[in-house]
Amino acid sequence: MTSSNSLDRKSQAWSALFSEPMSELVQRYTASVFFDQRLWRADIQGSLAHADMLAAQAIISAQDLADIQRGMAQITQDIEAGRFEWKLELEDVHLNIEARLTQLVGDAGKRLHTGRSRNDQVATDVRLWLRHEIDAISELLRSLQFALVEVAAQHTDTIMPGFTHLQVAQPVSFGHHLLAYVEMFARDQERLQEVRARTNRLPLGSAALAGTTYALDRERVARTLGMVDAHGAAQVCQNSLDAVSDRDFAIEFTSAATLCMLHISRLSEELIIWMSQNFGFIQIADRFTTGSSIMPQKKNPDVPELARGKTGRVVGHLMGLITLMKAQPLAYNKDNQEDKEPLFDTVDTLKDTLRIFAEMIGGQVNPATGAKEGGLTVNKSRMQEAASKGYATATDLADYLVKKGLPFRDAHETVAHAVKTAQGLGVDLSALTLAQLQAFHPAIEQDVFEVLSLQGSLNARNTLGGTAPAQVKAQIARHQRRLHTD
């Protein structure tokens, strides 16, 4: 039984075959217009390129093209102004725009769909939309890297404990630690550019699944839409079945986004740990934290905690998209309507997270004063105090003995005995006297105390990729050049 409010069959693009209208329940279950309307700009962009090509191929007239361009300009203005009426009964963004175009320009609007299907149309729209979003995300990643590099430049000589298994391992520069995340986010940016290249290929002209009988110039459409490679060659999907049905570009993007969010979650976890009273390494600006409804002394790192949680959300979207495509037969299936909401939410989540982290790490300009207000306050003394615990320079003593001629394994054993003695006395290795140290090996001399100092340990690691301040400064300069030229 159908509702009295059911769709008039005359307004359906596929209605002639059917003897009854779609039920209202099915309309609501199958419609996508209330989430895919965000594709409207890409839909109009693709339609205009398609119309331009149809006119160039003499499939539609020059007047039809002019009418379509005029109608699309009006629709663009209406959507931007919030005047466009999105109708559930028209199912999706494509039919809503096409129906309004036909109202505005008559038969020219009906001719626009010549040589295409909603199958290749939606695949094109999603690719165009995602290409734009990848560009925006890449810029946000650049901003976050700039913020991290800026803070790292202020802390090339700030000593903190480096951890393995969350146990004090060796002293490192705080700047060096932050640059580890710059490397991660740089790889994320590289991955996104690779995804963009594979996303930037044209499905339009594949029609429903088998191509079309019209003499389309698909390469012209690709060039018009900027779907070209680094040399300007048109990038066109080469198999019509594959073009309309696959969503590997969306899965690949979500995979890259997941890796980026995993990196965010690692940084989040460290910010949370560092801010805790037991560490006290940093403070996060009040505007990025919240209090407690019952404990007035609390300041909670809600932003990194929520980002850590939102990582699971994006991982879930990746699993959902993979499951969506699993075992789908060729070609297009309605299942693929379910690709958009997880993809859209992944983009929104990643963009919001990157934007807020760039401000939280690097600070922001106060519009009232024009001054930049930092996001992180670093407690250098607490970091150095923590680095002095846990015998962080033990490996330095072992390396010192190796340079005196001991095999490393023997040096390792010797230092283990020294650490055990220091533990028993409740002091650091650097607090042992020269005589006490020489009891473990006679080759130890007065210069050992420079080796056992935190600063000496830092300076000694002056190899490419090491934590020595000179190396950290070189890496900062490299990242600054890269970020300004990419």
Protein backbone atom coordinates (compact mmCIF):
# COMPACT_ATOMS: atom_id res chain seq x y z
CA MET A 1 0.00 0.00 0.00
CA THR A 2 1.41 3.36 -0.96
CA SER A 3 1.07 6.69 0.79
CA SER A 4 -1.05 9.49 -0.63
CA ASN A 5 2.12 11.56 -0.43
CA SER A 6 4.02 9.17 -2.67
CA LEU A 7 6.06 10.48 -5.54
CA ASP A 8 4.29 11.40 -8.75
CA ARG A 9 5.69 8.94 -11.27
CA LYS A 10 6.12 11.68 -13.86
CA SER A 11 8.88 13.25 -11.79
CA GLN A 12 10.93 10.06 -11.64
CA ALA A 13 13.75 9.69 -14.14
CA TRP A 14 12.94 5.99 -14.58
CA SER A 15 9.14 6.01 -14.10
CA ALA A 16 7.69 4.84 -17.44
CA LEU A 17 8.30 1.15 -16.77
CA PHE A 18 6.60 1.15 -13.38
CA SER A 19 2.90 0.71 -12.70
CA GLU A 20 2.86 2.26 -9.23
CA PRO A 21 4.84 4.95 -7.47
CA MET A 22 7.49 4.25 -4.88
CA SER A 23 6.18 4.08 -1.33
CA GLU A 24 7.06 6.90 1.03
CA LEU A 25 8.88 4.43 3.29
CA VAL A 26 11.10 3.29 0.41
CA GLN A 27 11.67 6.89 -0.63
CA ARG A 28 13.07 7.70 2.77
CA TYR A 29 15.07 4.49 2.99
CA THR A 30 16.73 4.88 -0.41
CA ALA A 31 17.09 8.66 -0.67
CA SER A 32 20.51 10.23 -0.21
CA VAL A 33 19.75 13.89 -0.88
CA PHE A 34 20.04 14.99 2.73
CA PHE A 35 23.67 13.90 2.93
CA ASP A 36 24.89 13.90 -0.68
CA GLN A 37 23.75 17.46 -1.34
CA ARG A 38 27.22 18.53 -0.23
CA LEU A 39 28.33 17.24 -3.65
CA TRP A 40 26.33 19.97 -5.40
CA ARG A 41 29.29 22.07 -6.49
CA ALA A 42 31.10 19.05 -7.93
CA ASP A 43 27.86 17.94 -9.61
CA ILE A 44 27.45 21.29 -11.35
CA GLN A 45 31.15 21.40 -12.25
CA GLY A 46 30.97 17.96 -13.86
CA SER A 47 27.70 18.74 -15.63
CA LEU A 48 29.07 21.93 -17.16
CA ALA A 49 32.15 20.11 -18.44
CA HIS A 50 29.92 17.38 -19.88
CA ALA A 51 27.66 19.94 -21.56
CA ASP A 52 30.64 21.79 -23.03
CA MET A 53 31.87 18.53 -24.54
CA LEU A 54 28.40 17.59 -25.89
CA ALA A 55 28.21 20.95 -27.67
CA ALA A 56 31.76 20.61 -29.03
CA GLN A 57 30.80 17.19 -30.41
CA ALA A 58 27.58 18.63 -31.93
CA ILE A 59 25.48 16.30 -29.77
CA ILE A 60 23.62 19.29 -28.32
CA SER A 61 23.35 22.77 -29.82
CA ALA A 62 25.27 25.88 -28.83
CA GLN A 63 21.98 27.33 -27.60
CA ASP A 64 21.41 24.28 -25.39
CA LEU A 65 24.86 24.81 -23.89
CA ALA A 66 24.19 28.48 -23.25
CA ASP A 67 20.86 27.64 -21.60
CA ILE A 68 22.47 24.98 -19.42
CA GLN A 69 25.21 27.39 -18.35
CA ARG A 70 22.65 30.07 -17.55
CA GLY A 71 20.51 27.64 -15.56
CA MET A 72 23.46 26.26 -13.61
CA ALA A 73 24.58 29.78 -12.74
CA GLN A 74 21.13 30.45 -11.28
CA ILE A 75 21.14 27.18 -9.35
CA THR A 76 24.60 27.99 -7.96
CA GLN A 77 23.36 31.36 -6.72
CA ASP A 78 20.27 29.79 -5.17
CA ILE A 79 22.21 27.09 -3.32
CA GLU A 80 24.83 29.55 -2.06
CA ALA A 81 22.05 31.86 -0.85
CA GLY A 82 20.16 29.00 0.82
CA ARG A 83 17.14 29.41 -1.47
CA PHE A 84 17.36 26.04 -3.22
CA GLU A 85 14.63 23.60 -2.26
CA TRP A 86 16.00 20.11 -1.80
CA LYS A 87 13.25 17.53 -2.36
CA LEU A 88 13.27 14.08 -0.81
CA GLU A 89 11.17 12.65 -3.61
CA LEU A 90 13.94 13.49 -6.09
CA GLU A 91 16.23 11.06 -4.23
CA ASP A 92 19.65 12.64 -4.61
CA VAL A 93 21.70 15.70 -5.44
CA HIS A 94 21.82 14.81 -9.14
CA LEU A 95 18.07 14.60 -9.78
CA ASN A 96 17.38 17.65 -7.62
CA ILE A 97 19.73 19.78 -9.68
CA GLU A 98 18.61 18.30 -13.01
CA ALA A 99 14.92 18.81 -12.17
CA ARG A 100 15.49 22.44 -11.22
CA LEU A 101 17.61 23.00 -14.34
CA THR A 102 14.78 21.67 -16.50
CA GLN A 103 12.34 24.01 -14.76
CA LEU A 104 14.63 26.93 -15.54
CA VAL A 105 15.69 26.18 -19.14
CA GLY A 106 13.26 23.56 -20.47
CA ASP A 107 14.39 20.89 -22.94
CA ALA A 108 18.06 21.90 -22.76
CA GLY A 109 18.03 20.63 -19.18
CA LYS A 110 16.65 17.29 -20.34
CA ARG A 111 19.40 16.98 -22.95
CA LEU A 112 22.17 17.38 -20.38
CA HIS A 113 21.96 13.73 -19.36
CA THR A 114 22.79 12.54 -22.90
CA GLY A 115 25.65 10.06 -22.86
CA ARG A 116 25.86 9.68 -19.09
CA SER A 117 24.20 7.86 -16.19
CA ARG A 118 23.89 8.64 -12.54
CA ASN A 119 26.39 5.80 -12.09
CA ASP A 120 29.28 7.58 -13.80
CA GLN A 121 27.94 10.95 -12.64
CA VAL A 122 28.15 10.14 -8.93
CA ALA A 123 31.55 8.48 -9.32
CA THR A 124 32.78 11.69 -10.95
CA ASP A 125 31.18 13.94 -8.35
CA VAL A 126 32.73 12.07 -5.44
CA ARG A 127 36.16 12.15 -7.07
CA LEU A 128 35.93 15.90 -7.75
CA TRP A 129 34.72 16.59 -4.23
CA LEU A 130 37.38 14.39 -2.63
CA ARG A 131 40.13 15.96 -4.73
CA HIS A 132 39.17 19.36 -3.33
CA GLU A 133 39.04 18.01 0.22
CA ILE A 134 42.45 16.33 -0.12
CA ASP A 135 43.91 19.70 -1.11
CA ALA A 136 42.33 21.31 1.96
CA ILE A 137 43.59 18.52 4.25
CA SER A 138 47.09 18.81 2.79
CA GLU A 139 47.14 22.50 3.72
CA LEU A 140 45.98 21.68 7.26
CA LEU A 141 48.72 19.07 7.55
CA ARG A 142 51.20 21.70 6.43
CA SER A 143 49.93 24.07 9.13
CA LEU A 144 50.29 21.41 11.82
CA GLN A 145 53.82 20.63 10.69
CA PHE A 146 54.69 24.34 10.74
CA ALA A 147 53.37 24.55 14.31
CA LEU A 148 55.42 21.56 15.45
CA VAL A 149 58.56 22.86 13.74
CA GLU A 150 58.08 26.27 15.31
CA VAL A 151 57.86 24.81 18.83
CA ALA A 152 60.74 22.41 18.12
CA ALA A 153 62.94 25.36 17.11
CA GLN A 154 62.41 26.84 20.58
CA HIS A 155 63.47 23.61 22.29
CA THR A 156 66.48 22.19 20.45
CA ASP A 157 68.42 22.19 23.75
CA THR A 158 65.53 21.29 26.07
CA ILE A 159 66.35 17.90 27.56
CA MET A 160 63.66 15.34 28.26
CA PRO A 161 63.73 11.60 28.86
CA GLY A 162 63.28 9.43 25.82
CA PHE A 163 61.25 6.35 26.61
CA THR A 164 60.99 2.76 25.51
CA HIS A 165 58.27 0.66 27.13
CA LEU A 166 57.40 3.97 28.86
CA GLN A 167 60.59 3.53 30.91
CA VAL A 168 63.34 6.14 30.92
CA ALA A 169 65.77 5.07 28.21
CA GLN A 170 68.06 7.88 26.98
CA PRO A 171 67.95 11.67 27.08
CA VAL A 172 66.63 13.38 23.97
CA SER A 173 65.92 16.91 22.86
CA PHE A 174 62.27 17.93 23.16
CA GLY A 175 62.64 19.51 19.74
CA HIS A 176 63.84 16.17 18.39
CA HIS A 177 60.81 14.45 19.92
CA LEU A 178 58.40 16.88 18.25
CA LEU A 179 60.14 16.44 14.89
CA ALA A 180 59.31 12.74 15.03
CA TYR A 181 55.68 13.76 14.55
CA VAL A 182 56.63 16.13 11.74
CA GLU A 183 58.09 13.12 9.93
CA MET A 184 54.85 11.17 10.46
CA PHE A 185 52.66 13.99 9.20
CA ALA A 186 54.99 14.57 6.23
CA ARG A 187 54.45 10.94 5.21
CA ASP A 188 50.71 11.42 5.66
CA GLN A 189 50.91 14.36 3.27
CA GLU A 190 52.86 12.25 0.75
CA ARG A 191 50.27 9.49 0.95
CA LEU A 192 47.44 11.95 0.36
CA GLN A 193 49.14 13.28 -2.76
CA GLU A 194 49.45 9.74 -4.08
CA VAL A 195 45.76 9.12 -3.33
CA ARG A 196 44.90 12.41 -5.05
CA ALA A 197 46.63 11.29 -8.25
CA ARG A 198 44.54 8.10 -8.38
CA THR A 199 41.37 9.95 -7.38
CA ASN A 200 41.88 12.50 -10.14
CA ARG A 201 40.67 10.24 -12.97
CA LEU A 202 37.48 10.69 -14.94
CA PRO A 203 34.67 8.08 -14.87
CA LEU A 204 32.20 10.33 -16.74
CA GLY A 205 31.27 8.98 -20.16
CA SER A 206 31.22 5.39 -18.94
CA ALA A 207 27.43 5.80 -18.66
CA ALA A 208 25.62 3.08 -16.72
CA LEU A 209 28.27 0.37 -17.16
CA ALA A 210 29.10 -0.31 -20.81
CA GLY A 211 29.99 3.06 -22.28
CA THR A 212 27.75 4.92 -24.71
CA THR A 213 26.87 5.04 -28.39
CA TYR A 214 27.42 8.82 -28.54
CA ALA A 215 30.72 10.13 -29.86
CA LEU A 216 31.93 11.56 -26.58
CA ASP A 217 35.31 13.21 -26.11
CA ARG A 218 36.06 12.04 -22.61
CA GLU A 219 39.59 13.42 -22.64
CA ARG A 220 38.21 16.90 -23.29
CA VAL A 221 36.03 16.58 -20.20
CA ALA A 222 39.00 15.39 -18.17
CA ARG A 223 41.11 18.35 -19.25
CA THR A 224 38.26 20.77 -18.52
CA LEU A 225 37.95 19.36 -14.99
CA GLY A 226 41.69 19.40 -14.38
CA MET A 227 41.85 15.62 -14.33
CA VAL A 228 45.33 15.52 -15.81
CA ASP A 229 48.72 14.15 -14.80
CA ALA A 230 51.86 16.15 -14.07
CA HIS A 231 52.50 16.47 -17.80
CA GLY A 232 48.98 17.70 -18.62
CA ALA A 233 47.78 14.41 -20.12
CA ALA A 234 44.09 13.62 -19.56
CA GLN A 235 43.45 10.99 -16.89
CA VAL A 236 40.41 8.93 -17.88
CA CYS A 237 39.14 5.68 -16.36
CA GLN A 238 39.84 3.11 -19.06
CA ASN A 239 37.20 0.49 -18.29
CA SER A 240 33.56 1.49 -18.01
CA LEU A 241 32.62 -1.36 -15.65
CA ASP A 242 35.43 -0.49 -13.27
CA ALA A 243 34.83 3.25 -13.57
CA VAL A 244 31.24 3.19 -12.29
CA SER A 245 31.51 0.47 -9.67
CA ASP A 246 34.75 0.71 -7.77
CA ARG A 247 35.40 2.87 -4.74
CA ASP A 248 39.00 1.96 -4.08
CA PHE A 249 39.98 5.63 -4.20
CA ALA A 250 37.59 6.31 -1.30
CA ILE A 251 38.93 3.33 0.64
CA GLU A 252 42.50 4.39 -0.06
CA PHE A 253 41.77 7.92 1.14
CA THR A 254 40.13 6.63 4.31
CA SER A 255 43.13 4.38 4.89
CA ALA A 256 45.47 7.38 4.58
CA ALA A 257 43.17 9.37 6.87
CA THR A 258 43.23 6.52 9.38
CA LEU A 259 47.02 6.53 9.46
CA CYS A 260 46.98 10.29 9.98
CA MET A 261 44.52 9.94 12.85
CA LEU A 262 46.66 7.16 14.34
CA HIS A 263 49.56 9.60 14.38
CA ILE A 264 47.30 12.20 15.98
CA SER A 265 46.29 9.63 18.60
CA ARG A 266 49.93 8.93 19.46
CA LEU A 267 50.61 12.63 19.89
CA SER A 268 47.38 12.93 21.88
CA GLU A 269 48.43 10.18 24.26
CA GLU A 270 51.77 11.84 24.90
CA LEU A 271 50.18 15.25 25.48
CA ILE A 272 47.81 13.64 27.98
CA ILE A 273 50.67 11.89 29.80
CA TRP A 274 52.92 14.97 29.76
CA MET A 275 50.12 17.15 31.17
CA SER A 276 49.40 14.81 34.07
CA GLN A 277 50.63 15.91 37.50
CA ASN A 278 52.95 12.90 37.69
CA PHE A 279 54.85 14.21 34.68
CA GLY A 280 54.13 17.93 34.59
CA PHE A 281 56.11 18.40 31.36
CA ILE A 282 53.60 20.72 29.71
CA GLN A 283 50.46 22.74 30.21
CA ILE A 284 47.84 23.08 27.50
CA ALA A 285 46.21 26.49 27.19
CA ASP A 286 42.92 26.82 29.04
CA ARG A 287 40.97 27.39 25.83
CA PHE A 288 41.71 23.78 24.82
CA THR A 289 40.81 22.22 28.18
CA THR A 290 37.79 21.76 30.44
CA GLY A 291 37.15 21.51 34.17
CA SER A 292 35.28 19.09 36.35
CA SER A 293 31.70 19.49 37.55
CA ILE A 294 32.65 18.18 41.00
CA MET A 295 36.45 18.60 41.41
CA PRO A 296 37.38 22.28 41.19
CA GLN A 297 41.12 21.62 40.91
CA LYS A 298 40.86 19.66 37.66
CA LYS A 299 41.99 20.82 34.23
CA ASN A 300 41.31 18.08 31.70
CA PRO A 301 42.99 17.61 28.29
CA ASP A 302 39.69 17.07 26.52
CA VAL A 303 40.91 17.94 23.01
CA PRO A 304 43.64 15.28 22.81
CA GLU A 305 41.40 12.79 24.62
CA LEU A 306 38.58 13.32 22.15
CA ALA A 307 40.98 13.14 19.20
CA ARG A 308 42.22 9.84 20.57
CA GLY A 309 38.60 8.67 20.63
CA LYS A 310 37.77 10.02 17.18
CA THR A 311 40.61 7.93 15.79
CA GLY A 312 38.47 4.86 16.49
CA ARG A 313 35.62 6.52 14.60
CA VAL A 314 37.76 6.90 11.47
CA VAL A 315 39.16 3.37 11.79
CA GLY A 316 35.53 2.20 11.89
CA HIS A 317 34.75 4.07 8.68
CA LEU A 318 37.67 2.36 6.96
CA MET A 319 36.42 -1.06 8.05
CA GLY A 320 32.90 -0.12 6.94
CA LEU A 321 34.01 0.87 3.45
CA ILE A 322 36.11 -2.25 3.04
CA THR A 323 33.14 -4.37 4.10
CA LEU A 324 30.85 -2.40 1.78
CA MET A 325 32.95 -3.31 -1.26
CA LYS A 326 33.67 -6.88 -0.23
CA ALA A 327 32.34 -9.36 -2.82
CA GLN A 328 30.32 -6.81 -4.80
CA PRO A 329 29.74 -8.09 -8.34
CA LEU A 330 30.24 -5.77 -11.30
CA ALA A 331 28.99 -3.23 -12.03
CA TYR A 332 27.22 -0.57 -9.94
CA ASN A 333 25.12 -1.70 -6.96
CA LYS A 334 22.92 0.35 -4.64
CA ASP A 335 25.23 -0.69 -1.80
CA ASN A 336 27.57 2.03 -3.01
CA GLN A 337 25.20 4.73 -1.79
CA GLU A 338 26.56 3.80 1.64
CA ASP A 339 30.05 5.00 0.72
CA LYS A 340 29.28 8.68 1.22
CA GLU A 341 28.43 9.13 4.88
CA PRO A 342 31.56 7.38 6.19
CA LEU A 343 33.69 9.19 3.61
CA PHE A 344 32.14 12.57 4.45
CA ASP A 345 32.51 12.01 8.18
CA THR A 346 36.13 10.90 7.77
CA VAL A 347 36.93 14.13 5.92
CA ASP A 348 35.10 16.27 8.47
CA THR A 349 36.72 14.54 11.44
CA LEU A 350 40.24 14.74 10.01
CA LYS A 351 39.90 18.39 9.00
CA ASP A 352 38.50 19.47 12.35
CA THR A 353 41.18 17.54 14.24
CA LEU A 354 44.09 18.89 12.19
CA ARG A 355 42.81 22.45 12.47
CA ILE A 356 42.44 22.36 16.25
CA PHE A 357 45.78 20.59 16.78
CA ALA A 358 47.63 23.17 14.71
CA GLU A 359 46.19 25.88 16.97
CA MET A 360 46.72 23.90 20.16
CA ILE A 361 50.39 23.21 19.36
CA GLY A 362 51.35 26.45 17.65
CA GLY A 363 48.99 28.92 19.26
CA GLN A 364 46.83 31.51 17.56
CA VAL A 365 46.68 35.24 17.02
CA ASN A 366 44.41 37.11 19.41
CA PRO A 367 42.19 39.27 17.14
CA ALA A 368 41.83 41.89 19.88
CA THR A 369 45.55 42.39 20.56
CA GLY A 370 47.19 41.05 17.42
CA ALA A 371 49.58 39.09 19.65
CA LYS A 372 50.18 35.38 19.20
CA GLU A 373 49.04 33.31 22.16
CA GLY A 374 50.79 30.00 22.56
CA GLY A 375 48.98 26.72 22.95
CA LEU A 376 51.63 24.80 24.90
CA THR A 377 53.70 25.83 27.90
CA VAL A 378 56.80 23.66 28.38
CA ASN A 379 58.26 23.01 31.84
CA LYS A 380 61.95 22.56 30.99
CA SER A 381 63.06 21.92 34.56
CA ARG A 382 60.56 19.09 35.07
CA MET A 383 61.66 17.50 31.81
CA GLN A 384 65.34 17.67 32.75
CA GLU A 385 64.63 16.39 36.25
CA ALA A 386 62.79 13.39 34.79
CA ALA A 387 65.64 12.73 32.36
CA SER A 388 68.08 12.58 35.28
CA LYS A 389 66.20 9.59 36.69
CA GLY A 390 66.41 6.05 35.41
CA TYR A 391 70.15 6.07 34.58
CA ALA A 392 69.51 7.51 31.14
CA THR A 393 73.24 7.86 30.36
CA ALA A 394 74.11 4.20 31.01
CA THR A 395 74.46 3.50 27.30
CA ASP A 396 76.81 6.48 27.03
CA LEU A 397 79.09 4.87 29.62
CA ALA A 398 79.02 1.61 27.65
CA ASP A 399 79.92 3.49 24.45
CA TYR A 400 82.73 5.25 26.35
CA LEU A 401 84.21 1.87 27.34
CA VAL A 402 83.88 0.55 23.79
CA LYS A 403 85.95 3.51 22.59
CA LYS A 404 88.52 2.47 25.22
CA GLY A 405 88.78 -0.94 23.54
CA LEU A 406 86.18 -3.13 25.26
CA PRO A 407 83.83 -5.27 23.17
CA PHE A 408 80.31 -3.85 23.46
CA ARG A 409 78.89 -6.90 25.23
CA ASP A 410 81.61 -6.69 27.89
CA ALA A 411 81.03 -2.95 28.24
CA HIS A 412 77.30 -3.59 28.60
CA GLU A 413 77.93 -6.05 31.43
CA THR A 414 80.34 -3.71 33.17
CA VAL A 415 77.87 -0.83 33.11
CA ALA A 416 75.09 -3.08 34.42
CA HIS A 417 77.21 -3.68 37.54
CA ALA A 418 77.82 0.06 37.87
CA VAL A 419 74.08 0.78 37.62
CA LYS A 420 73.34 -1.85 40.25
CA THR A 421 75.81 -0.23 42.63
CA ALA A 422 74.40 3.26 41.97
CA GLN A 423 70.88 1.95 42.60
CA GLY A 424 72.01 0.52 45.90
CA LEU A 425 73.44 3.90 46.89
CA GLY A 426 70.36 5.74 45.61
CA VAL A 427 72.37 7.99 43.27
CA ASP A 428 72.82 8.57 39.56
CA LEU A 429 75.83 7.21 37.70
CA SER A 430 77.19 10.74 37.40
CA ALA A 431 77.19 11.00 41.21
CA LEU A 432 79.64 8.10 41.64
CA THR A 433 83.22 9.15 42.29
CA LEU A 434 85.98 8.50 39.79
CA ALA A 435 87.44 5.89 42.14
CA GLN A 436 84.08 4.11 42.38
CA LEU A 437 83.75 4.08 38.60
CA GLN A 438 87.33 2.88 38.09
CA ALA A 439 86.54 -0.08 40.31
CA PHE A 440 84.39 -1.36 37.46
CA HIS A 441 87.10 -0.76 34.86
CA PRO A 442 90.50 0.95 35.11
CA ALA A 443 90.18 2.55 31.67
CA ILE A 444 87.64 5.04 33.04
CA GLU A 445 89.15 8.52 33.38
CA GLN A 446 88.10 12.02 34.44
CA ASP A 447 86.52 12.75 31.05
CA VAL A 448 83.80 10.21 31.83
CA PHE A 449 81.78 12.83 33.72
CA GLU A 450 81.15 14.81 30.54
CA VAL A 451 79.93 11.57 28.96
CA LEU A 452 77.62 10.92 31.90
CA SER A 453 76.03 14.39 31.80
CA LEU A 454 72.66 14.81 30.10
CA GLN A 455 73.96 17.56 27.83
CA GLY A 456 77.02 15.50 26.95
CA SER A 457 74.81 12.55 26.08
CA LEU A 458 72.70 14.77 23.84
CA ASN A 459 75.68 16.38 22.10
CA ALA A 460 77.36 13.02 21.49
CA ARG A 461 74.55 11.82 19.22
CA ASN A 462 75.63 14.09 16.40
CA THR A 463 74.84 11.80 13.48
CA LEU A 464 72.19 12.20 10.80
CA GLY A 465 68.81 11.71 12.44
CA GLY A 466 70.27 11.96 15.93
CA THR A 467 69.11 14.03 18.87
CA ALA A 468 72.15 16.33 19.15
CA PRO A 469 71.01 19.98 19.04
CA ALA A 470 73.13 20.59 15.94
CA GLN A 471 71.30 17.77 14.15
CA VAL A 472 67.91 18.95 15.38
CA LYS A 473 68.63 22.46 14.05
CA ALA A 474 69.62 20.99 10.68
CA GLN A 475 66.38 19.01 10.54
CA ILE A 476 64.36 22.08 11.45
CA ALA A 477 65.98 24.00 8.59
CA ARG A 478 65.23 21.10 6.21
CA HIS A 479 61.57 21.00 7.22
CA GLN A 480 61.24 24.77 6.94
CA ARG A 481 62.60 24.67 3.38
CA ARG A 482 60.31 21.75 2.49
CA LEU A 483 57.20 23.31 3.94
CA HIS A 484 57.82 26.62 2.20
CA THR A 485 58.43 25.03 -1.21
CA ASP A 486 56.00 22.06 -1.33
